[in-house]
Amino acid sequence: MNSGACRQGLLDPTRWFAITYAIATAVNLREELTTLLVMKAMFISSLDSGCRLLPTHSPLASKISTALLS
């Protein structure tokens, strides 16, 4: 490939838009996955706190969280 064709490919605005869009999508996906993991931890913590009132809270909380989040 000669330098003229390489320059033409680098200056193509559609290519830069596609690269920028791919990067933005990857960053957004990472943020969404992080949010889901935090929400899952908060949900399990809340479920465990709520189930402490019951006499058999440990098995019940683990069964419910496993059933809902698997």
Protein backbone atom coordinates (compact mmCIF):
# COMPACT_ATOMS: atom_id res chain seq x y z
CA MET A 1 0.00 0.00 0.00
CA ASN A 2 1.45 3.36 -0.96
CA SER A 3 1.49 6.38 1.35
CA GLY A 4 -1.25 8.17 -0.59
CA ALA A 5 -3.74 5.36 -0.09
CA CYS A 6 -2.78 5.08 3.57
CA ARG A 7 -3.33 8.83 4.07
CA GLN A 8 -6.67 8.66 2.31
CA GLY A 9 -7.76 5.87 4.65
CA LEU A 10 -6.67 7.82 7.73
CA LEU A 11 -8.45 10.99 6.63
CA ASP A 12 -11.75 9.25 5.98
CA PRO A 13 -14.26 10.80 8.45
CA THR A 14 -16.48 7.73 8.36
CA ARG A 15 -13.60 5.58 9.61
CA TRP A 16 -12.86 8.02 12.47
CA PHE A 17 -16.54 8.10 13.39
CA ALA A 18 -16.64 4.29 13.45
CA ILE A 19 -13.53 4.13 15.66
CA THR A 20 -14.87 6.81 18.02
CA TYR A 21 -18.25 5.08 18.19
CA ALA A 22 -16.65 1.71 18.97
CA ILE A 23 -14.60 3.22 21.79
CA ALA A 24 -17.62 5.03 23.25
CA THR A 25 -19.69 1.85 23.09
CA ALA A 26 -16.99 -0.16 24.87
CA VAL A 27 -16.69 2.44 27.64
CA ASN A 28 -20.46 2.60 28.06
CA LEU A 29 -20.72 -1.20 28.21
CA ARG A 30 -18.05 -1.29 30.90
CA GLU A 31 -19.93 1.30 32.95
CA GLU A 32 -23.20 -0.60 32.58
CA LEU A 33 -21.61 -3.87 33.68
CA THR A 34 -20.03 -2.15 36.69
CA THR A 35 -23.41 -0.69 37.62
CA LEU A 36 -25.04 -4.11 37.38
CA LEU A 37 -22.40 -5.68 39.62
CA VAL A 38 -22.85 -2.94 42.22
CA MET A 39 -26.63 -3.29 42.08
CA LYS A 40 -26.33 -7.06 42.52
CA ALA A 41 -24.14 -6.61 45.61
CA MET A 42 -26.54 -4.03 47.06
CA PHE A 43 -29.52 -6.29 46.39
CA ILE A 44 -27.91 -9.29 48.08
CA SER A 45 -26.90 -7.13 51.05
CA SER A 46 -30.43 -5.76 51.37
CA LEU A 47 -31.91 -9.23 51.07
CA ASP A 48 -29.58 -10.55 53.74
CA SER A 49 -30.43 -7.65 56.07
CA GLY A 50 -34.14 -8.21 55.55
CA CYS A 51 -33.90 -11.93 56.15
CA ARG A 52 -32.04 -11.50 59.45
CA LEU A 53 -35.40 -11.06 61.14
CA LEU A 54 -36.28 -14.66 60.33
CA PRO A 55 -34.85 -17.48 62.46
CA THR A 56 -33.31 -19.28 59.48
CA HIS A 57 -31.97 -16.25 57.65
CA SER A 58 -28.73 -17.65 56.20
CA PRO A 59 -30.10 -20.54 54.13
CA LEU A 60 -33.13 -18.56 53.05
CA ALA A 61 -31.15 -15.54 51.85
CA SER A 62 -28.66 -17.66 49.94
CA LYS A 63 -31.46 -19.70 48.30
CA ILE A 64 -33.39 -16.61 47.25
CA SER A 65 -30.35 -14.77 45.94
CA THR A 66 -29.17 -17.85 44.06
CA ALA A 67 -32.60 -18.38 42.52
CA LEU A 68 -33.04 -14.75 41.48
CA LEU A 69 -29.56 -13.92 40.30
CA SER A 70 -28.33 -17.08 38.62
